[in-house]
């Protein structure tokens, strides 16, 4: 697990930990986001190991006992 900060467009940044694998990232945090704000497609920026990546939310789940788990997909820049 690696520490990271997720900044979704229009929402306050949230800190948590990530597990990465290919194009997908599983982000876990002790805080939960307002589900009304997170529903629907959201893009944002993930800061991980000093580097920033553009990501899009694939799924969001509130965890029993507190916190949340967000599945993110990396946005691959298109070649010009």
N, C-alpha and C. Protein backbone atom coordinates (compact mmCIF):
# COMPACT_ATOMS: atom_id res chain seq x y z
N UNK A 1 0.84 -1.17 0.00
CA UNK A 1 0.00 0.00 0.00
C UNK A 1 0.89 1.24 0.00
N UNK A 2 0.50 2.21 -0.81
CA UNK A 2 1.24 3.45 -0.94
C UNK A 2 0.32 4.62 -0.61
N UNK A 3 0.84 5.61 0.13
CA UNK A 3 0.06 6.80 0.45
C UNK A 3 -0.15 7.62 -0.81
N UNK A 4 -1.36 8.23 -0.91
CA UNK A 4 -1.70 9.04 -2.07
C UNK A 4 -2.75 10.07 -1.68
N UNK A 5 -2.90 11.08 -2.52
CA UNK A 5 -3.94 12.09 -2.36
C UNK A 5 -4.75 12.15 -3.64
N UNK A 6 -6.07 12.10 -3.49
CA UNK A 6 -6.99 12.13 -4.62
C UNK A 6 -7.73 13.47 -4.61
N UNK A 7 -7.64 14.20 -5.72
CA UNK A 7 -8.35 15.47 -5.88
C UNK A 7 -9.31 15.31 -7.05
N UNK A 8 -10.59 15.09 -6.72
CA UNK A 8 -11.60 14.97 -7.77
C UNK A 8 -12.15 16.35 -8.10
N UNK A 9 -12.43 16.57 -9.37
CA UNK A 9 -12.92 17.87 -9.81
C UNK A 9 -14.17 18.26 -9.02
N UNK A 10 -14.14 19.43 -8.39
CA UNK A 10 -15.28 19.95 -7.65
C UNK A 10 -15.39 19.48 -6.21
N UNK A 11 -14.46 18.63 -5.73
CA UNK A 11 -14.51 18.12 -4.36
C UNK A 11 -13.20 18.40 -3.64
N UNK A 12 -13.24 18.42 -2.31
CA UNK A 12 -12.04 18.60 -1.51
C UNK A 12 -11.11 17.39 -1.68
N UNK A 13 -9.78 17.60 -1.67
CA UNK A 13 -8.84 16.48 -1.75
C UNK A 13 -9.03 15.52 -0.57
N UNK A 14 -8.76 14.25 -0.80
CA UNK A 14 -8.88 13.22 0.23
C UNK A 14 -7.60 12.38 0.21
N UNK A 15 -7.08 12.06 1.41
CA UNK A 15 -5.86 11.27 1.52
C UNK A 15 -6.21 9.83 1.82
N UNK A 16 -5.40 8.92 1.32
CA UNK A 16 -5.62 7.51 1.57
C UNK A 16 -4.45 6.68 1.08
N UNK A 17 -4.72 5.42 0.84
CA UNK A 17 -3.70 4.51 0.34
C UNK A 17 -4.19 3.88 -0.96
N UNK A 18 -3.25 3.44 -1.78
CA UNK A 18 -3.62 2.86 -3.07
C UNK A 18 -2.93 1.52 -3.30
N UNK A 19 -3.59 0.71 -4.11
CA UNK A 19 -3.01 -0.50 -4.70
C UNK A 19 -3.16 -0.31 -6.19
N UNK A 20 -2.08 -0.48 -6.93
CA UNK A 20 -2.14 -0.26 -8.37
C UNK A 20 -2.01 -1.58 -9.11
N UNK A 21 -2.58 -1.60 -10.31
CA UNK A 21 -2.49 -2.77 -11.17
C UNK A 21 -2.94 -2.41 -12.57
N UNK A 22 -1.99 -2.26 -13.48
CA UNK A 22 -2.33 -1.91 -14.85
C UNK A 22 -2.97 -0.54 -14.94
N UNK A 23 -4.13 -0.49 -15.61
CA UNK A 23 -4.83 0.78 -15.80
C UNK A 23 -5.68 1.17 -14.60
N UNK A 24 -5.81 0.27 -13.63
CA UNK A 24 -6.73 0.51 -12.50
C UNK A 24 -5.99 0.72 -11.19
N UNK A 25 -6.61 1.53 -10.34
CA UNK A 25 -6.06 1.85 -9.02
C UNK A 25 -7.19 1.71 -8.00
N UNK A 26 -6.92 1.01 -6.90
CA UNK A 26 -7.89 0.92 -5.81
C UNK A 26 -7.43 1.87 -4.72
N UNK A 27 -8.25 2.89 -4.45
CA UNK A 27 -7.95 3.93 -3.47
C UNK A 27 -8.83 3.71 -2.25
N UNK A 28 -8.22 3.61 -1.07
CA UNK A 28 -8.95 3.43 0.19
C UNK A 28 -8.66 4.61 1.10
N UNK A 29 -9.72 5.10 1.77
CA UNK A 29 -9.56 6.25 2.68
C UNK A 29 -10.37 6.03 3.94
N UNK A 30 -9.94 6.66 5.03
CA UNK A 30 -10.67 6.58 6.29
C UNK A 30 -11.92 7.45 6.27
N UNK A 31 -11.93 8.47 5.44
CA UNK A 31 -13.07 9.37 5.32
C UNK A 31 -13.97 8.90 4.17
N UNK A 32 -15.24 9.21 4.26
CA UNK A 32 -16.17 8.89 3.17
C UNK A 32 -16.59 10.19 2.50
N UNK A 33 -16.85 10.12 1.21
CA UNK A 33 -17.33 11.27 0.46
C UNK A 33 -18.86 11.25 0.44
N UNK A 34 -19.45 12.38 0.16
CA UNK A 34 -20.89 12.48 0.01
C UNK A 34 -21.29 11.76 -1.27
N UNK A 35 -22.05 10.67 -1.14
CA UNK A 35 -22.40 9.87 -2.32
C UNK A 35 -23.17 10.68 -3.36
N UNK A 36 -23.92 11.69 -2.93
CA UNK A 36 -24.63 12.54 -3.86
C UNK A 36 -23.69 13.32 -4.77
N UNK A 37 -22.50 13.62 -4.27
CA UNK A 37 -21.52 14.36 -5.06
C UNK A 37 -20.66 13.45 -5.92
N UNK A 38 -20.50 12.21 -5.52
CA UNK A 38 -19.59 11.31 -6.22
C UNK A 38 -20.28 10.51 -7.32
N UNK A 39 -21.61 10.37 -7.27
CA UNK A 39 -22.32 9.61 -8.30
C UNK A 39 -22.16 10.28 -9.65
N UNK A 40 -22.00 9.47 -10.66
CA UNK A 40 -21.78 9.98 -12.01
C UNK A 40 -20.29 10.02 -12.32
N UNK A 41 -19.95 10.28 -13.56
CA UNK A 41 -18.53 10.29 -13.93
C UNK A 41 -17.79 11.47 -13.31
N UNK A 42 -16.68 11.19 -12.70
CA UNK A 42 -15.83 12.23 -12.11
C UNK A 42 -14.40 11.99 -12.56
N UNK A 43 -13.75 13.05 -12.96
CA UNK A 43 -12.32 13.00 -13.25
C UNK A 43 -11.60 13.74 -12.15
N UNK A 44 -10.33 13.43 -12.03
CA UNK A 44 -9.53 14.12 -11.03
C UNK A 44 -8.07 13.81 -11.20
N UNK A 45 -7.32 14.14 -10.15
CA UNK A 45 -5.88 13.95 -10.17
C UNK A 45 -5.48 13.14 -8.95
N UNK A 46 -4.63 12.16 -9.16
CA UNK A 46 -4.09 11.34 -8.08
C UNK A 46 -2.61 11.66 -7.96
N UNK A 47 -2.20 12.05 -6.76
CA UNK A 47 -0.79 12.30 -6.49
C UNK A 47 -0.24 11.08 -5.77
N UNK A 48 0.72 10.44 -6.41
CA UNK A 48 1.25 9.15 -5.94
C UNK A 48 2.76 9.15 -6.16
N UNK A 49 3.53 8.95 -5.11
CA UNK A 49 4.99 8.92 -5.20
C UNK A 49 5.56 10.16 -5.89
N UNK A 50 4.98 11.33 -5.58
CA UNK A 50 5.48 12.58 -6.13
C UNK A 50 5.08 12.87 -7.56
N UNK A 51 4.31 11.99 -8.17
CA UNK A 51 3.86 12.20 -9.55
C UNK A 51 2.34 12.35 -9.57
N UNK A 52 1.84 13.13 -10.52
CA UNK A 52 0.41 13.34 -10.68
C UNK A 52 -0.09 12.57 -11.89
N UNK A 53 -1.25 11.94 -11.74
CA UNK A 53 -1.88 11.22 -12.84
C UNK A 53 -3.33 11.64 -12.94
N UNK A 54 -3.85 11.79 -14.15
CA UNK A 54 -5.28 12.04 -14.35
C UNK A 54 -6.00 10.70 -14.25
N UNK A 55 -7.12 10.70 -13.52
CA UNK A 55 -7.89 9.48 -13.31
C UNK A 55 -9.38 9.78 -13.44
N UNK A 56 -10.17 8.73 -13.65
CA UNK A 56 -11.62 8.82 -13.67
C UNK A 56 -12.16 7.78 -12.70
N UNK A 57 -13.24 8.12 -11.98
CA UNK A 57 -13.85 7.21 -11.01
C UNK A 57 -14.63 6.14 -11.76
N UNK A 58 -14.34 4.88 -11.47
CA UNK A 58 -15.08 3.75 -12.03
C UNK A 58 -16.17 3.30 -11.07
N UNK A 59 -15.85 3.25 -9.75
CA UNK A 59 -16.85 2.88 -8.76
C UNK A 59 -16.47 3.47 -7.40
N UNK A 60 -17.50 3.62 -6.55
CA UNK A 60 -17.32 4.19 -5.22
C UNK A 60 -18.17 3.40 -4.25
N UNK A 61 -17.57 2.99 -3.12
CA UNK A 61 -18.29 2.23 -2.11
C UNK A 61 -17.94 2.74 -0.72
N UNK A 62 -18.96 2.98 0.10
CA UNK A 62 -18.75 3.30 1.51
C UNK A 62 -18.52 1.98 2.23
N UNK A 63 -17.53 1.93 3.10
CA UNK A 63 -17.20 0.71 3.84
C UNK A 63 -17.93 0.68 5.18
N UNK A 64 -18.38 -0.52 5.57
CA UNK A 64 -18.97 -0.67 6.90
C UNK A 64 -17.91 -0.32 7.92
N UNK A 65 -18.19 0.39 8.92
CA UNK A 65 -17.18 0.77 9.91
C UNK A 65 -16.47 2.07 9.56
N UNK A 66 -16.80 2.66 8.42
CA UNK A 66 -16.23 3.96 8.06
C UNK A 66 -15.27 3.89 6.90
N UNK A 67 -15.14 5.00 6.25
CA UNK A 67 -14.22 5.11 5.13
C UNK A 67 -14.87 4.75 3.81
N UNK A 68 -14.04 4.69 2.78
CA UNK A 68 -14.56 4.37 1.45
C UNK A 68 -13.48 3.68 0.63
N UNK A 69 -13.94 3.08 -0.46
CA UNK A 69 -13.05 2.47 -1.44
C UNK A 69 -13.48 2.96 -2.81
N UNK A 70 -12.53 3.48 -3.57
CA UNK A 70 -12.82 4.03 -4.89
C UNK A 70 -11.95 3.31 -5.91
N UNK A 71 -12.57 2.80 -6.94
CA UNK A 71 -11.82 2.21 -8.05
C UNK A 71 -11.65 3.30 -9.10
N UNK A 72 -10.41 3.55 -9.46
CA UNK A 72 -10.06 4.59 -10.43
C UNK A 72 -9.44 3.95 -11.67
N UNK A 73 -9.63 4.59 -12.81
CA UNK A 73 -8.97 4.16 -14.03
C UNK A 73 -8.07 5.31 -14.50
N UNK A 74 -6.85 4.95 -14.84
CA UNK A 74 -5.91 5.96 -15.35
C UNK A 74 -6.41 6.47 -16.70
N UNK A 75 -6.27 7.76 -16.93
CA UNK A 75 -6.58 8.36 -18.23
C UNK A 75 -5.27 8.46 -19.00
N UNK A 76 -5.16 7.71 -20.06
CA UNK A 76 -3.95 7.71 -20.85
C UNK A 76 -3.97 8.90 -21.80
N UNK A 77 -2.94 9.73 -21.78
CA UNK A 77 -2.92 10.87 -22.71
C UNK A 77 -2.92 10.37 -24.14
N UNK A 78 -3.64 11.08 -24.99
CA UNK A 78 -3.68 10.70 -26.41
C UNK A 78 -2.49 11.33 -27.12
N UNK A 79 -1.96 10.61 -28.09
CA UNK A 79 -0.83 11.12 -28.86
C UNK A 79 -1.31 12.21 -29.80
N UNK A 80 -0.53 13.28 -29.92
CA UNK A 80 -0.95 14.39 -30.80
C UNK A 80 -0.46 14.14 -32.21
